[in-house]
Amino acid sequence: MTVTADTLVHVLGLVPHPEGGFFRETYRAEPLPFALPDRGARSASTAIYFLLSGTDFSAFHRIRSDEVWHHYAGAPLEVHTLEPSGPKVVLVGPSVERGERPQYVVPAGVFQAARVHGAGYVLMGCTVAPGFDFADFEMPGRSALIELFPACAGVIAELTR
């Protein structure tokens, strides 16, 4: 039997994510023993399942913590970041011989977006440290991002709503 994206959404209990795709938090560490400057209390780390399928995408956003993407199943994932020098794309997947990597780190504060590379679906894991909190999440609109990164207007237009 072939596993489908719909099967994974159902079996793993995934729900729609504000940036696109589906997710479910699977781990939240105990809070750090101190408050972070300008952020307050945060868990040491969090982890989620994250699924994209078809032409759906994770819209450009940024968080105030490092985020590690882990490939679990399906097609490779294109992770797009907006750098001062221009856009950057990394393929996260199992085929290292084709330049893919099974995991990739997006540093804190870097705008990122993602989509399936090719057809089908991709099931990923995302680990965030210090732990994810929606108070640290920012998803600006298309025009605001193009104003910040005019050299990246093409990819911003493709990966924003």
N, C-alpha and C. Protein backbone atom coordinates (compact mmCIF):
# COMPACT_ATOMS: atom_id res chain seq x y z
N MET A 1 0.83 -1.18 0.00
CA MET A 1 0.00 0.00 0.00
C MET A 1 0.88 1.25 0.00
N THR A 2 0.57 2.19 -0.86
CA THR A 2 1.30 3.44 -0.94
C THR A 2 0.73 4.44 0.07
N VAL A 3 1.63 5.05 0.82
CA VAL A 3 1.21 6.07 1.78
C VAL A 3 0.97 7.38 1.03
N THR A 4 -0.15 8.01 1.31
CA THR A 4 -0.47 9.29 0.67
C THR A 4 -0.37 10.42 1.69
N ALA A 5 -0.37 11.65 1.19
CA ALA A 5 -0.35 12.81 2.07
C ALA A 5 -1.59 12.81 2.96
N ASP A 6 -2.76 12.48 2.39
CA ASP A 6 -3.99 12.44 3.19
C ASP A 6 -3.89 11.41 4.32
N THR A 7 -3.28 10.26 4.03
CA THR A 7 -3.09 9.24 5.07
C THR A 7 -2.21 9.78 6.19
N LEU A 8 -1.12 10.44 5.84
CA LEU A 8 -0.22 11.00 6.86
C LEU A 8 -0.91 12.06 7.70
N VAL A 9 -1.70 12.92 7.06
CA VAL A 9 -2.43 13.95 7.81
C VAL A 9 -3.35 13.28 8.83
N HIS A 10 -4.05 12.23 8.40
CA HIS A 10 -4.99 11.55 9.29
C HIS A 10 -4.26 10.77 10.40
N VAL A 11 -3.33 9.93 10.02
CA VAL A 11 -2.66 9.05 10.99
C VAL A 11 -1.82 9.84 12.00
N LEU A 12 -1.14 10.90 11.54
CA LEU A 12 -0.28 11.68 12.43
C LEU A 12 -1.03 12.81 13.13
N GLY A 13 -2.31 12.99 12.81
CA GLY A 13 -3.11 14.02 13.47
C GLY A 13 -2.67 15.43 13.13
N LEU A 14 -2.31 15.66 11.87
CA LEU A 14 -1.82 16.98 11.46
C LEU A 14 -2.98 17.93 11.23
N VAL A 15 -2.72 19.20 11.48
CA VAL A 15 -3.73 20.26 11.28
C VAL A 15 -3.10 21.35 10.40
N PRO A 16 -3.93 22.20 9.76
CA PRO A 16 -3.38 23.27 8.91
C PRO A 16 -2.46 24.21 9.70
N HIS A 17 -1.37 24.61 9.06
CA HIS A 17 -0.43 25.56 9.65
C HIS A 17 -0.67 26.94 9.04
N PRO A 18 -0.54 28.03 9.81
CA PRO A 18 -0.78 29.38 9.27
C PRO A 18 0.09 29.73 8.06
N GLU A 19 1.29 29.17 7.96
CA GLU A 19 2.17 29.51 6.84
C GLU A 19 1.95 28.62 5.63
N GLY A 20 1.08 27.59 5.75
CA GLY A 20 0.82 26.63 4.68
C GLY A 20 1.18 25.23 5.16
N GLY A 21 0.64 24.22 4.51
CA GLY A 21 0.93 22.85 4.88
C GLY A 21 0.18 22.42 6.13
N PHE A 22 0.64 21.32 6.71
CA PHE A 22 0.04 20.74 7.90
C PHE A 22 1.12 20.43 8.91
N PHE A 23 0.75 20.46 10.21
CA PHE A 23 1.75 20.20 11.25
C PHE A 23 1.10 19.62 12.49
N ARG A 24 1.95 19.15 13.38
CA ARG A 24 1.55 18.78 14.74
C ARG A 24 2.79 18.83 15.61
N GLU A 25 2.67 19.53 16.73
CA GLU A 25 3.79 19.54 17.68
C GLU A 25 3.91 18.17 18.31
N THR A 26 5.13 17.64 18.35
CA THR A 26 5.38 16.32 18.91
C THR A 26 6.22 16.36 20.18
N TYR A 27 6.85 17.50 20.45
CA TYR A 27 7.72 17.60 21.62
C TYR A 27 7.84 19.05 22.04
N ARG A 28 7.80 19.27 23.35
CA ARG A 28 8.06 20.58 23.93
C ARG A 28 8.85 20.34 25.21
N ALA A 29 10.12 20.78 25.21
CA ALA A 29 10.97 20.60 26.39
C ALA A 29 10.51 21.50 27.52
N GLU A 30 11.00 21.21 28.68
CA GLU A 30 10.74 22.06 29.84
C GLU A 30 11.24 23.48 29.56
N PRO A 31 10.65 24.47 30.21
CA PRO A 31 11.13 25.84 30.02
C PRO A 31 12.58 25.99 30.47
N LEU A 32 13.29 26.88 29.80
CA LEU A 32 14.64 27.21 30.23
C LEU A 32 14.58 27.77 31.65
N PRO A 33 15.64 27.61 32.44
CA PRO A 33 15.61 28.09 33.83
C PRO A 33 15.78 29.60 33.95
N PHE A 34 15.76 30.30 32.83
CA PHE A 34 15.91 31.76 32.83
C PHE A 34 15.06 32.32 31.68
N ALA A 35 14.71 33.57 31.78
CA ALA A 35 13.97 34.24 30.71
C ALA A 35 14.94 34.75 29.66
N LEU A 36 14.52 34.70 28.40
CA LEU A 36 15.35 35.24 27.33
C LEU A 36 15.14 36.75 27.24
N PRO A 37 16.20 37.52 26.99
CA PRO A 37 16.05 38.97 26.86
C PRO A 37 15.02 39.33 25.78
N ASP A 38 14.11 40.19 26.09
CA ASP A 38 13.06 40.67 25.18
C ASP A 38 12.13 39.56 24.68
N ARG A 39 12.17 38.37 25.29
CA ARG A 39 11.32 37.27 24.84
C ARG A 39 10.61 36.57 25.98
N GLY A 40 11.17 36.61 27.15
CA GLY A 40 10.54 35.95 28.28
C GLY A 40 10.87 34.47 28.33
N ALA A 41 9.99 33.72 29.00
CA ALA A 41 10.21 32.27 29.19
C ALA A 41 10.00 31.54 27.86
N ARG A 42 10.88 30.58 27.58
CA ARG A 42 10.78 29.74 26.40
C ARG A 42 11.21 28.33 26.77
N SER A 43 10.64 27.36 26.08
CA SER A 43 11.11 25.98 26.22
C SER A 43 12.51 25.88 25.63
N ALA A 44 13.26 24.91 26.10
CA ALA A 44 14.60 24.72 25.56
C ALA A 44 14.55 24.32 24.09
N SER A 45 13.53 23.53 23.71
CA SER A 45 13.43 23.04 22.33
C SER A 45 12.01 22.58 22.07
N THR A 46 11.61 22.61 20.79
CA THR A 46 10.33 22.05 20.36
C THR A 46 10.55 21.29 19.07
N ALA A 47 9.62 20.38 18.75
CA ALA A 47 9.69 19.62 17.50
C ALA A 47 8.29 19.45 16.96
N ILE A 48 8.19 19.46 15.62
CA ILE A 48 6.92 19.23 14.95
C ILE A 48 7.11 18.29 13.77
N TYR A 49 6.00 17.65 13.36
CA TYR A 49 5.90 17.08 12.02
C TYR A 49 5.41 18.22 11.15
N PHE A 50 5.87 18.27 9.88
CA PHE A 50 5.41 19.28 8.93
C PHE A 50 5.28 18.62 7.57
N LEU A 51 4.11 18.77 6.93
CA LEU A 51 3.84 18.14 5.65
C LEU A 51 3.38 19.16 4.63
N LEU A 52 3.98 19.08 3.45
CA LEU A 52 3.53 19.85 2.29
C LEU A 52 3.21 18.87 1.18
N SER A 53 2.20 19.20 0.38
CA SER A 53 1.89 18.34 -0.77
C SER A 53 1.48 19.18 -1.96
N GLY A 54 1.68 18.60 -3.14
CA GLY A 54 1.29 19.27 -4.37
C GLY A 54 1.98 20.62 -4.52
N THR A 55 1.19 21.64 -4.82
CA THR A 55 1.74 22.97 -5.04
C THR A 55 1.66 23.86 -3.79
N ASP A 56 1.22 23.28 -2.67
CA ASP A 56 1.17 24.06 -1.44
C ASP A 56 2.59 24.43 -1.02
N PHE A 57 2.73 25.49 -0.25
CA PHE A 57 4.05 25.92 0.19
C PHE A 57 3.97 26.54 1.57
N SER A 58 5.11 26.59 2.21
CA SER A 58 5.28 27.31 3.46
C SER A 58 5.71 28.72 3.09
N ALA A 59 4.86 29.71 3.35
CA ALA A 59 5.13 31.09 2.94
C ALA A 59 6.31 31.68 3.72
N PHE A 60 6.95 32.67 3.12
CA PHE A 60 8.08 33.32 3.78
C PHE A 60 7.69 33.82 5.16
N HIS A 61 8.53 33.47 6.11
CA HIS A 61 8.34 33.85 7.50
C HIS A 61 9.71 33.79 8.18
N ARG A 62 9.77 34.27 9.40
CA ARG A 62 10.99 34.10 10.19
C ARG A 62 10.60 33.93 11.65
N ILE A 63 11.51 33.29 12.36
CA ILE A 63 11.35 33.11 13.80
C ILE A 63 12.64 33.56 14.48
N ARG A 64 12.57 33.73 15.78
CA ARG A 64 13.71 34.26 16.52
C ARG A 64 14.58 33.17 17.12
N SER A 65 14.48 31.95 16.59
CA SER A 65 15.30 30.82 17.05
C SER A 65 15.83 30.08 15.83
N ASP A 66 16.88 29.31 16.03
CA ASP A 66 17.37 28.43 14.97
C ASP A 66 16.33 27.34 14.71
N GLU A 67 16.20 26.94 13.43
CA GLU A 67 15.27 25.87 13.07
C GLU A 67 15.99 24.84 12.22
N VAL A 68 15.91 23.57 12.65
CA VAL A 68 16.52 22.47 11.92
C VAL A 68 15.42 21.70 11.20
N TRP A 69 15.52 21.60 9.87
CA TRP A 69 14.61 20.81 9.06
C TRP A 69 15.19 19.40 8.92
N HIS A 70 14.36 18.37 9.11
CA HIS A 70 14.76 16.96 8.98
C HIS A 70 13.84 16.30 7.96
N HIS A 71 14.40 15.62 6.97
CA HIS A 71 13.59 14.93 5.97
C HIS A 71 13.20 13.55 6.48
N TYR A 72 11.89 13.22 6.41
CA TYR A 72 11.42 11.91 6.84
C TYR A 72 10.94 11.05 5.68
N ALA A 73 10.14 11.62 4.76
CA ALA A 73 9.57 10.79 3.69
C ALA A 73 9.12 11.67 2.53
N GLY A 74 9.04 11.04 1.36
CA GLY A 74 8.51 11.71 0.19
C GLY A 74 9.57 12.41 -0.62
N ALA A 75 9.11 13.36 -1.42
CA ALA A 75 9.98 14.13 -2.32
C ALA A 75 10.93 15.00 -1.51
N PRO A 76 11.96 15.54 -2.16
CA PRO A 76 12.81 16.52 -1.47
C PRO A 76 12.04 17.81 -1.20
N LEU A 77 12.54 18.59 -0.27
CA LEU A 77 11.97 19.88 0.08
C LEU A 77 12.94 20.97 -0.38
N GLU A 78 12.40 22.00 -1.03
CA GLU A 78 13.19 23.19 -1.33
C GLU A 78 13.03 24.15 -0.15
N VAL A 79 14.12 24.48 0.51
CA VAL A 79 14.09 25.51 1.56
C VAL A 79 14.72 26.76 0.95
N HIS A 80 13.93 27.83 0.88
CA HIS A 80 14.36 29.11 0.32
C HIS A 80 14.62 30.07 1.47
N THR A 81 15.75 30.77 1.40
CA THR A 81 16.04 31.81 2.38
C THR A 81 16.36 33.11 1.65
N LEU A 82 16.08 34.22 2.31
CA LEU A 82 16.38 35.54 1.77
C LEU A 82 17.64 36.05 2.43
N GLU A 83 18.69 36.16 1.64
CA GLU A 83 19.99 36.60 2.13
C GLU A 83 20.27 38.00 1.58
N PRO A 84 21.09 38.81 2.26
CA PRO A 84 21.43 40.13 1.72
C PRO A 84 22.01 40.06 0.29
N SER A 85 22.70 38.95 -0.02
CA SER A 85 23.31 38.79 -1.35
C SER A 85 22.34 38.26 -2.39
N GLY A 86 21.14 37.87 -1.97
CA GLY A 86 20.15 37.32 -2.90
C GLY A 86 19.51 36.07 -2.32
N PRO A 87 18.59 35.47 -3.09
CA PRO A 87 17.92 34.27 -2.58
C PRO A 87 18.84 33.06 -2.58
N LYS A 88 18.58 32.15 -1.66
CA LYS A 88 19.34 30.90 -1.56
C LYS A 88 18.34 29.75 -1.49
N VAL A 89 18.67 28.62 -2.14
CA VAL A 89 17.82 27.43 -2.11
C VAL A 89 18.67 26.23 -1.73
N VAL A 90 18.16 25.43 -0.80
CA VAL A 90 18.81 24.18 -0.40
C VAL A 90 17.78 23.08 -0.53
N LEU A 91 18.20 21.94 -1.10
CA LEU A 91 17.32 20.77 -1.19
C LEU A 91 17.55 19.88 0.02
N VAL A 92 16.47 19.62 0.75
CA VAL A 92 16.54 18.74 1.91
C VAL A 92 15.85 17.44 1.52
N GLY A 93 16.62 16.35 1.50
CA GLY A 93 16.09 15.07 1.10
C GLY A 93 17.12 13.97 1.30
N PRO A 94 16.78 12.75 0.89
CA PRO A 94 17.64 11.61 1.17
C PRO A 94 18.75 11.35 0.16
N SER A 95 18.70 11.98 -1.01
CA SER A 95 19.64 11.65 -2.10
C SER A 95 20.87 12.54 -2.04
N VAL A 96 21.78 12.21 -1.14
CA VAL A 96 22.98 13.03 -0.98
C VAL A 96 23.83 13.02 -2.25
N GLU A 97 23.75 11.95 -3.03
CA GLU A 97 24.51 11.89 -4.28
C GLU A 97 24.02 12.91 -5.31
N ARG A 98 22.81 13.43 -5.13
CA ARG A 98 22.26 14.46 -6.02
C ARG A 98 22.31 15.85 -5.36
N GLY A 99 23.09 15.98 -4.30
CA GLY A 99 23.25 17.28 -3.66
C GLY A 99 22.25 17.58 -2.56
N GLU A 100 21.34 16.65 -2.28
CA GLU A 100 20.38 16.86 -1.19
C GLU A 100 21.06 16.60 0.14
N ARG A 101 20.52 17.15 1.18
CA ARG A 101 21.00 16.91 2.53
C ARG A 101 19.83 16.48 3.39
N PRO A 102 20.02 15.49 4.29
CA PRO A 102 18.90 15.01 5.11
C PRO A 102 18.43 16.01 6.16
N GLN A 103 19.25 17.01 6.47
CA GLN A 103 18.80 18.07 7.38
C GLN A 103 19.46 19.38 6.99
N TYR A 104 18.82 20.47 7.42
CA TYR A 104 19.34 21.80 7.10
C TYR A 104 18.93 22.75 8.22
N VAL A 105 19.84 23.65 8.59
CA VAL A 105 19.57 24.62 9.66
C VAL A 105 19.34 26.00 9.06
N VAL A 106 18.21 26.61 9.42
CA VAL A 106 17.95 28.01 9.09
C VAL A 106 18.24 28.80 10.37
N PRO A 107 19.22 29.70 10.31
CA PRO A 107 19.56 30.47 11.51
C PRO A 107 18.42 31.39 11.96
N ALA A 108 18.41 31.68 13.23
CA ALA A 108 17.43 32.60 13.81
C ALA A 108 17.40 33.91 13.03
N GLY A 109 16.18 34.43 12.80
CA GLY A 109 16.03 35.73 12.18
C GLY A 109 16.11 35.77 10.67
N VAL A 110 16.33 34.62 10.02
CA VAL A 110 16.42 34.57 8.56
C VAL A 110 15.05 34.23 7.98
N PHE A 111 14.61 35.00 6.98
CA PHE A 111 13.34 34.69 6.32
C PHE A 111 13.49 33.40 5.53
N GLN A 112 12.49 32.52 5.67
CA GLN A 112 12.53 31.22 5.01
C GLN A 112 11.15 30.88 4.46
N ALA A 113 11.15 30.06 3.41
CA ALA A 113 9.94 29.51 2.82
C ALA A 113 10.31 28.12 2.31
N ALA A 114 9.30 27.30 2.00
CA ALA A 114 9.59 25.95 1.53
C ALA A 114 8.48 25.45 0.62
N ARG A 115 8.87 24.53 -0.27
CA ARG A 115 7.89 23.86 -1.13
C ARG A 115 8.45 22.52 -1.56
N VAL A 116 7.55 21.67 -2.02
CA VAL A 116 7.94 20.35 -2.52
C VAL A 116 8.77 20.55 -3.79
N HIS A 117 9.86 19.82 -3.89
CA HIS A 117 10.69 19.84 -5.10
C HIS A 117 10.20 18.71 -6.00
N GLY A 118 9.52 19.07 -7.06
CA GLY A 118 8.94 18.06 -7.95
C GLY A 118 7.48 17.85 -7.60
N ALA A 119 7.07 16.60 -7.64
CA ALA A 119 5.65 16.26 -7.41
C ALA A 119 5.51 15.44 -6.14
N GLY A 120 4.28 15.34 -5.67
CA GLY A 120 3.99 14.50 -4.52
C GLY A 120 3.91 15.28 -3.24
N TYR A 121 4.46 14.68 -2.20
CA TYR A 121 4.43 15.31 -0.88
C TYR A 121 5.78 15.14 -0.23
N VAL A 122 5.98 15.87 0.86
CA VAL A 122 7.18 15.72 1.68
C VAL A 122 6.76 15.81 3.15
N LEU A 123 7.23 14.86 3.94
CA LEU A 123 7.04 14.87 5.39
C LEU A 123 8.38 15.21 6.02
N MET A 124 8.36 16.29 6.80
CA MET A 124 9.56 16.79 7.44
C MET A 124 9.36 16.82 8.95
N GLY A 125 10.46 17.00 9.64
CA GLY A 125 10.43 17.37 11.04
C GLY A 125 11.12 18.71 11.17
N CYS A 126 10.67 19.53 12.09
CA CYS A 126 11.32 20.82 12.37
C CYS A 126 11.58 20.89 13.87
N THR A 127 12.84 21.10 14.21
CA THR A 127 13.24 21.26 15.60
C THR A 127 13.71 22.69 15.79
N VAL A 128 13.18 23.35 16.82
CA VAL A 128 13.48 24.76 17.07
C VAL A 128 14.08 24.89 18.46
N ALA A 129 15.20 25.66 18.54
CA ALA A 129 15.84 25.89 19.83
C ALA A 129 16.37 27.32 19.88
N PRO A 130 16.07 28.08 20.94
CA PRO A 130 15.07 27.80 21.96
C PRO A 130 13.70 27.54 21.31
N GLY A 131 12.85 26.88 22.07
CA GLY A 131 11.58 26.39 21.55
C GLY A 131 10.70 27.41 20.88
N PHE A 132 9.92 26.93 19.92
CA PHE A 132 9.02 27.78 19.15
C PHE A 132 7.93 28.39 20.03
N ASP A 133 7.64 29.65 19.75
CA ASP A 133 6.51 30.35 20.36
C ASP A 133 5.97 31.29 19.30
N PHE A 134 4.65 31.31 19.09
CA PHE A 134 4.08 32.18 18.06
C PHE A 134 4.40 33.65 18.30
N ALA A 135 4.78 34.03 19.51
CA ALA A 135 5.19 35.42 19.77
C ALA A 135 6.48 35.75 19.02
N ASP A 136 7.25 34.74 18.63
CA ASP A 136 8.52 34.92 17.92
C ASP A 136 8.37 34.73 16.41
N PHE A 137 7.15 34.60 15.92
CA PHE A 137 6.85 34.29 14.53
C PHE A 137 6.44 35.55 13.79
N GLU A 138 7.00 35.77 12.61
CA GLU A 138 6.68 36.93 11.79
C GLU A 138 6.49 36.49 10.35
N MET A 139 5.35 36.85 9.74
CA MET A 139 5.07 36.51 8.34
C MET A 139 4.57 37.76 7.62
N PRO A 140 5.52 38.62 7.17
CA PRO A 140 5.12 39.86 6.52
C PRO A 140 4.51 39.59 5.14
N GLY A 141 3.80 40.57 4.63
CA GLY A 141 3.21 40.46 3.31
C GLY A 141 4.23 40.60 2.20
N ARG A 142 3.78 40.31 1.01
CA ARG A 142 4.63 40.32 -0.19
C ARG A 142 5.31 41.67 -0.39
N SER A 143 4.57 42.76 -0.35
CA SER A 143 5.16 44.07 -0.65
C SER A 143 6.21 44.46 0.39
N ALA A 144 5.97 44.14 1.66
CA ALA A 144 6.96 44.46 2.70
C ALA A 144 8.26 43.68 2.48
N LEU A 145 8.14 42.41 2.09
CA LEU A 145 9.36 41.62 1.84
C LEU A 145 10.10 42.11 0.59
N ILE A 146 9.37 42.45 -0.45
CA ILE A 146 10.03 42.95 -1.67
C ILE A 146 10.74 44.27 -1.39
N GLU A 147 10.18 45.09 -0.51
CA GLU A 147 10.84 46.34 -0.14
C GLU A 147 12.16 46.05 0.59
N LEU A 148 12.17 45.02 1.44
CA LEU A 148 13.39 44.65 2.17
C LEU A 148 14.42 43.94 1.28
N PHE A 149 13.93 43.12 0.33
CA PHE A 149 14.79 42.29 -0.51
C PHE A 149 14.40 42.44 -1.98
N PRO A 150 14.63 43.60 -2.59
CA PRO A 150 14.19 43.80 -3.98
C PRO A 150 14.82 42.82 -4.96
N ALA A 151 16.04 42.35 -4.70
CA ALA A 151 16.69 41.39 -5.60
C ALA A 151 16.02 40.03 -5.57
N CYS A 152 15.15 39.79 -4.59
CA CYS A 152 14.49 38.50 -4.42
C CYS A 152 13.01 38.55 -4.80
N ALA A 153 12.58 39.59 -5.54
CA ALA A 153 11.17 39.81 -5.83
C ALA A 153 10.50 38.60 -6.48
N GLY A 154 11.21 37.92 -7.38
CA GLY A 154 10.61 36.78 -8.08
C GLY A 154 10.21 35.65 -7.14
N VAL A 155 11.13 35.22 -6.31
CA VAL A 155 10.84 34.11 -5.40
C VAL A 155 9.86 34.56 -4.31
N ILE A 156 9.92 35.81 -3.91
CA ILE A 156 8.98 36.32 -2.91
C ILE A 156 7.57 36.27 -3.48
N ALA A 157 7.40 36.65 -4.75
CA ALA A 157 6.08 36.59 -5.38
C ALA A 157 5.54 35.16 -5.44
N GLU A 158 6.44 34.20 -5.66
CA GLU A 158 6.03 32.79 -5.74
C GLU A 158 5.67 32.19 -4.38
N LEU A 159 6.32 32.66 -3.32
CA LEU A 159 6.20 32.00 -2.01
C LEU A 159 5.62 32.91 -0.93
N THR A 160 4.70 33.78 -1.32
CA THR A 160 3.90 34.54 -0.37
C THR A 160 2.45 34.45 -0.82
N ARG A 161 1.54 34.74 0.10
CA ARG A 161 0.12 34.69 -0.24
C ARG A 161 -0.44 36.10 -0.27
